[in-house]
Amino acid sequence: EKNKSGVNKLSEVDDWRAMRDAAALEAAEQHEVEEEGEAVAKSKLAEGTANATSEAVGLPLEEDGSLNMFWIDAYEDSSKAGRIYMFGKVRTGDGKGGSAFSSCCLQVDNVQRQVFILPREKILDGEGDATEHDVDIMDHVFPEFSQIARQKGIKNHKCKKTKRAYMYNFQDTSIPADAEYLKVVYSADYPVFPADLAGRSFSRVLGTSQSCLELFLLKRDLMGPGWVNIKGAQAVSSQLSWCKHELRIADQKNLKAIKINAPESPPLVVMSL
């Protein structure tokens, strides 16, 4: 519900301390649930921490058990929240005159959404007018946003205070060039926040329209086709692509761009239509 100023209404009781304590309790309960499920998650997704074997993926690996892949393209599956497919080539052995390569598809799971909450300078009252009280990110923005997240069905999310620079300040001066934000990370299984979301303690939510693919490419510093190093890859039992090899990893942090001493690019065939 919104008031005349277009700002989301909270309870008529202006008890920020109670709301903060409720958010803190929810965070503690969420942490307990995560700890209980950690053992199960590790057993199911052992590829998130363990290195693969040559027999498991059917490919020659590096000395540390990782796999190098020359990626060419990436695709986000809209029907599978948080899943990215990368396409490229992997070395399959030695051939005549050099290394032999084959096509490969890498499935990256559990890519999360990420937004940044811009706090107001002063808390708004129930009618949307500024009060004399300064906004504190953890005491005001965090509990208010957590309450809104629960209302939207987002049960689990992680937050922390961070500093960020906004490069388009010259176009929109309402967003400062440098400011402190509340960074929020949550599963892509949950819905996106509306772009115009605002509250009594925050004025903007940035990053609501960012796709998981865009965030993945930025996070992993993938500026275009090139070599990446993959740890903990496992073969996919039921292939979805036409590639000769199809692998998966459960954590995007197991993939890193090779910036130094990268191998020579594999041979590619280009067809123009």
Protein backbone atom coordinates (compact mmCIF):
# COMPACT_ATOMS: atom_id res chain seq x y z
CA GLU A 1 0.00 0.00 0.00
CA LYS A 2 1.27 3.50 -0.78
CA ASN A 3 0.47 6.87 0.75
CA LYS A 4 -0.12 10.14 -1.09
CA SER A 5 3.62 10.56 -1.70
CA GLY A 6 3.88 7.20 -3.43
CA VAL A 7 5.96 5.66 -0.64
CA ASN A 8 5.28 2.22 0.78
CA LYS A 9 3.37 2.42 4.08
CA LEU A 10 4.59 0.49 7.08
CA SER A 11 2.70 -0.20 10.27
CA GLU A 12 1.26 2.89 11.93
CA VAL A 13 3.48 2.12 14.90
CA ASP A 14 6.78 3.93 14.34
CA ASP A 15 8.82 1.42 16.34
CA TRP A 16 11.97 1.04 14.27
CA ARG A 17 13.70 -0.77 17.10
CA ALA A 18 11.09 -3.51 17.13
CA MET A 19 11.33 -3.85 13.36
CA ARG A 20 15.12 -4.01 13.57
CA ASP A 21 14.99 -6.68 16.27
CA ALA A 22 12.52 -8.71 14.18
CA ALA A 23 14.87 -8.53 11.19
CA ALA A 24 17.83 -9.54 13.36
CA LEU A 25 15.89 -12.52 14.73
CA GLU A 26 14.94 -13.58 11.22
CA ALA A 27 18.58 -13.34 10.13
CA ALA A 28 19.65 -15.51 13.09
CA GLU A 29 17.01 -18.13 12.30
CA GLN A 30 18.04 -18.10 8.64
CA HIS A 31 21.67 -18.65 9.65
CA GLU A 32 20.67 -21.68 11.73
CA VAL A 33 18.76 -23.15 8.79
CA GLU A 34 21.75 -22.58 6.50
CA GLU A 35 24.07 -24.32 8.96
CA GLU A 36 21.72 -27.31 9.23
CA GLY A 37 21.48 -27.63 5.47
CA GLU A 38 25.16 -27.05 4.81
CA ALA A 39 26.14 -30.69 5.25
CA VAL A 40 23.36 -31.84 2.93
CA ALA A 41 24.25 -29.21 0.35
CA LYS A 42 27.92 -30.20 0.42
CA SER A 43 27.11 -33.86 -0.07
CA LYS A 44 24.74 -33.15 -2.96
CA LEU A 45 26.94 -30.55 -4.59
CA ALA A 46 30.40 -31.88 -3.85
CA GLU A 47 31.56 -30.36 -7.13
CA GLY A 48 31.34 -26.98 -5.45
CA THR A 49 34.51 -27.65 -3.46
CA ALA A 50 36.16 -30.81 -4.79
CA ASN A 51 38.22 -31.16 -7.93
CA ALA A 52 37.05 -33.41 -10.73
CA THR A 53 38.84 -36.47 -12.07
CA SER A 54 39.73 -37.22 -15.67
CA GLU A 55 37.49 -40.27 -15.57
CA ALA A 56 34.53 -38.26 -14.23
CA VAL A 57 34.58 -35.67 -17.02
CA GLY A 58 36.23 -37.74 -19.73
CA LEU A 59 38.80 -35.04 -20.43
CA PRO A 60 42.48 -34.42 -19.63
CA LEU A 61 42.81 -32.03 -16.69
CA GLU A 62 45.43 -29.63 -15.39
CA GLU A 63 47.90 -30.70 -12.70
CA ASP A 64 45.68 -29.29 -9.93
CA GLY A 65 42.62 -31.20 -11.18
CA SER A 66 41.00 -28.17 -12.80
CA LEU A 67 39.86 -27.80 -16.42
CA ASN A 68 40.60 -25.05 -18.92
CA MET A 69 37.93 -24.05 -21.41
CA PHE A 70 37.98 -21.48 -24.21
CA TRP A 71 34.51 -19.95 -23.95
CA ILE A 72 32.88 -18.34 -26.97
CA ASP A 73 29.30 -17.59 -25.99
CA ALA A 74 26.99 -17.66 -22.95
CA TYR A 75 23.23 -18.04 -22.58
CA GLU A 76 20.79 -17.60 -19.70
CA ASP A 77 17.95 -20.11 -19.51
CA SER A 78 14.84 -18.13 -18.53
CA SER A 79 13.04 -21.34 -17.57
CA LYS A 80 15.76 -22.27 -15.07
CA ALA A 81 16.31 -19.42 -12.62
CA GLY A 82 19.97 -18.75 -11.91
CA ARG A 83 21.33 -21.09 -14.57
CA ILE A 84 23.89 -20.03 -17.17
CA TYR A 85 25.19 -22.06 -20.12
CA MET A 86 28.66 -21.35 -21.51
CA PHE A 87 29.75 -22.72 -24.88
CA GLY A 88 33.29 -23.19 -26.08
CA LYS A 89 36.12 -25.66 -26.63
CA VAL A 90 38.19 -27.89 -24.36
CA ARG A 91 41.39 -29.79 -25.03
CA THR A 92 40.76 -33.49 -25.54
CA GLY A 93 44.33 -34.63 -26.07
CA ASP A 94 47.11 -34.37 -28.59
CA GLY A 95 46.48 -34.57 -32.30
CA LYS A 96 48.52 -34.22 -35.45
CA GLY A 97 50.60 -31.09 -35.24
CA GLY A 98 49.29 -30.03 -31.82
CA SER A 99 46.47 -30.32 -29.32
CA ALA A 100 43.05 -31.65 -30.27
CA PHE A 101 39.90 -29.82 -29.16
CA SER A 102 36.19 -30.58 -28.92
CA SER A 103 33.07 -28.54 -28.29
CA CYS A 104 31.91 -28.17 -24.69
CA CYS A 105 28.91 -26.76 -22.83
CA LEU A 106 29.36 -25.71 -19.19
CA GLN A 107 26.26 -25.40 -17.03
CA VAL A 108 26.68 -22.91 -14.15
CA ASP A 109 24.03 -23.21 -11.43
CA ASN A 110 22.98 -21.07 -8.46
CA VAL A 111 23.76 -17.65 -9.93
CA GLN A 112 22.10 -15.21 -7.53
CA ARG A 113 20.35 -11.87 -7.94
CA GLN A 114 21.94 -8.74 -6.49
CA VAL A 115 20.54 -5.27 -5.74
CA PHE A 116 21.79 -2.15 -3.97
CA ILE A 117 19.55 -0.13 -1.64
CA LEU A 118 20.21 3.63 -1.52
CA PRO A 119 19.33 5.08 1.92
CA ARG A 120 17.60 8.42 2.37
CA GLU A 121 19.19 11.19 4.41
CA LYS A 122 16.16 11.53 6.72
CA ILE A 123 13.44 9.06 7.72
CA LEU A 124 10.00 9.79 6.26
CA ASP A 125 6.95 9.86 8.46
CA GLY A 126 3.73 7.95 7.75
CA GLU A 127 2.64 10.61 5.25
CA GLY A 128 5.91 10.64 3.31
CA ASP A 129 7.33 13.84 4.78
CA ALA A 130 10.94 14.04 5.94
CA THR A 131 11.54 13.98 9.69
CA GLU A 132 14.54 15.22 11.68
CA HIS A 133 15.86 11.69 12.24
CA ASP A 134 18.94 10.57 10.27
CA VAL A 135 18.80 7.22 8.48
CA ASP A 136 21.07 4.43 9.67
CA ILE A 137 21.54 1.60 7.14
CA MET A 138 21.50 -1.28 9.60
CA ASP A 139 18.98 0.18 12.05
CA HIS A 140 16.48 1.46 9.47
CA VAL A 141 17.12 0.34 5.86
CA PHE A 142 17.89 -3.29 6.70
CA PRO A 143 14.77 -3.99 8.82
CA GLU A 144 12.42 -2.09 6.49
CA PHE A 145 13.73 -3.81 3.39
CA SER A 146 13.64 -7.20 5.13
CA GLN A 147 9.98 -6.63 5.93
CA ILE A 148 9.21 -5.74 2.30
CA ALA A 149 11.16 -8.80 1.11
CA ARG A 150 9.05 -11.07 3.33
CA GLN A 151 5.88 -9.52 1.95
CA LYS A 152 7.07 -10.34 -1.57
CA GLY A 153 7.76 -13.98 -0.66
CA ILE A 154 11.56 -13.65 -0.50
CA LYS A 155 12.33 -15.85 2.49
CA ASN A 156 16.13 -15.85 2.40
CA HIS A 157 18.50 -13.04 1.55
CA LYS A 158 21.88 -11.77 2.69
CA CYS A 159 22.76 -8.13 3.31
CA LYS A 160 25.82 -6.06 4.08
CA LYS A 161 26.77 -2.39 4.06
CA THR A 162 29.06 -1.37 1.21
CA LYS A 163 30.30 1.67 -0.74
CA ARG A 164 29.68 2.07 -4.46
CA ALA A 165 30.22 4.69 -7.16
CA TYR A 166 27.43 5.57 -9.61
CA MET A 167 28.76 6.39 -13.08
CA TYR A 168 25.55 7.93 -14.44
CA ASN A 169 25.33 10.68 -11.81
CA PHE A 170 25.62 13.29 -14.58
CA GLN A 171 22.31 12.00 -16.00
CA ASP A 172 20.48 11.47 -12.70
CA THR A 173 21.73 13.77 -9.96
CA SER A 174 19.26 12.31 -7.45
CA ILE A 175 21.70 9.41 -7.08
CA PRO A 176 25.03 10.52 -5.56
CA ALA A 177 28.29 9.80 -7.37
CA ASP A 178 29.61 7.97 -4.28
CA ALA A 179 27.49 6.62 -1.43
CA GLU A 180 26.97 3.83 1.07
CA TYR A 181 24.43 1.18 0.06
CA LEU A 182 22.84 -1.89 1.52
CA LYS A 183 23.94 -4.74 -0.75
CA VAL A 184 21.35 -7.52 -0.97
CA VAL A 185 21.98 -10.96 -2.50
CA TYR A 186 19.22 -13.54 -2.87
CA SER A 187 18.32 -16.63 -4.89
CA ALA A 188 17.19 -16.20 -8.48
CA ASP A 189 14.29 -18.51 -7.61
CA TYR A 190 12.65 -15.48 -5.98
CA PRO A 191 11.06 -12.65 -8.00
CA VAL A 192 12.75 -9.39 -8.96
CA PHE A 193 11.94 -6.19 -7.10
CA PRO A 194 10.04 -3.44 -8.95
CA ALA A 195 12.29 -0.71 -10.33
CA ASP A 196 10.31 2.04 -8.55
CA LEU A 197 10.45 0.43 -5.10
CA ALA A 198 11.05 2.97 -2.31
CA GLY A 199 10.54 3.11 1.43
CA ARG A 200 10.60 5.45 4.37
CA SER A 201 14.32 4.85 4.91
CA PHE A 202 15.49 4.27 1.31
CA SER A 203 14.83 6.05 -1.98
CA ARG A 204 16.09 3.69 -4.67
CA VAL A 205 16.78 0.04 -5.40
CA LEU A 206 19.46 -0.27 -8.07
CA GLY A 207 20.11 -3.40 -10.13
CA THR A 208 16.53 -4.67 -10.29
CA SER A 209 16.65 -5.05 -14.09
CA GLN A 210 20.07 -6.74 -14.20
CA SER A 211 19.94 -10.26 -15.59
CA CYS A 212 21.78 -13.17 -14.01
CA LEU A 213 23.88 -13.47 -17.17
CA GLU A 214 25.01 -9.84 -17.03
CA LEU A 215 25.83 -10.14 -13.34
CA PHE A 216 27.72 -13.41 -13.93
CA LEU A 217 29.86 -11.91 -16.72
CA LEU A 218 30.68 -8.86 -14.60
CA LYS A 219 31.42 -10.85 -11.45
CA ARG A 220 33.71 -13.29 -13.24
CA ASP A 221 35.35 -10.48 -15.28
CA LEU A 222 34.57 -12.11 -18.61
CA MET A 223 35.14 -9.39 -21.19
CA GLY A 224 34.73 -11.60 -24.24
CA PRO A 225 35.79 -14.98 -25.64
CA GLY A 226 38.84 -16.35 -23.87
CA TRP A 227 40.21 -19.02 -21.56
CA VAL A 228 38.62 -19.77 -18.20
CA ASN A 229 39.75 -22.15 -15.47
CA ILE A 230 37.08 -24.39 -13.95
CA LYS A 231 37.33 -26.26 -10.65
CA GLY A 232 35.06 -29.04 -9.47
CA ALA A 233 33.37 -29.71 -12.82
CA GLN A 234 31.25 -32.81 -13.21
CA ALA A 235 29.81 -34.44 -16.29
CA VAL A 236 26.07 -33.97 -16.93
CA SER A 237 24.21 -37.26 -17.14
CA SER A 238 21.51 -36.00 -19.52
CA GLN A 239 22.85 -33.59 -22.13
CA LEU A 240 20.80 -30.64 -23.36
CA SER A 241 23.15 -29.27 -26.01
CA TRP A 242 24.72 -30.53 -29.22
CA CYS A 243 28.22 -30.19 -27.76
CA LYS A 244 30.40 -33.28 -27.49
CA HIS A 245 31.04 -32.62 -23.79
CA GLU A 246 28.64 -31.16 -21.24
CA LEU A 247 29.74 -30.30 -17.71
CA ARG A 248 28.32 -28.43 -14.73
CA ILE A 249 29.47 -26.56 -11.64
CA ALA A 250 27.32 -25.55 -8.68
CA ASP A 251 29.19 -22.35 -7.76
CA GLN A 252 30.16 -19.59 -10.16
CA LYS A 253 33.19 -18.82 -7.98
CA ASN A 254 34.72 -22.07 -9.26
CA LEU A 255 35.22 -20.35 -12.61
CA LYS A 256 37.94 -17.76 -13.15
CA ALA A 257 39.17 -15.96 -16.24
CA ILE A 258 42.77 -16.79 -17.19
CA LYS A 259 44.49 -13.41 -17.57
CA ILE A 260 48.15 -14.43 -17.31
CA ASN A 261 49.96 -17.09 -19.35
CA ALA A 262 46.78 -18.10 -21.15
CA PRO A 263 47.12 -20.99 -23.63
CA GLU A 264 46.99 -20.33 -27.34
CA SER A 265 43.45 -20.02 -28.69
CA PRO A 266 42.03 -23.23 -30.17
CA PRO A 267 41.18 -23.47 -33.88
CA LEU A 268 37.70 -22.18 -34.70
CA VAL A 269 35.47 -22.54 -37.73
CA VAL A 270 33.36 -19.50 -38.67
CA MET A 271 30.36 -19.63 -40.98
CA SER A 272 28.71 -16.50 -42.36
CA LEU A 273 25.13 -16.49 -43.58
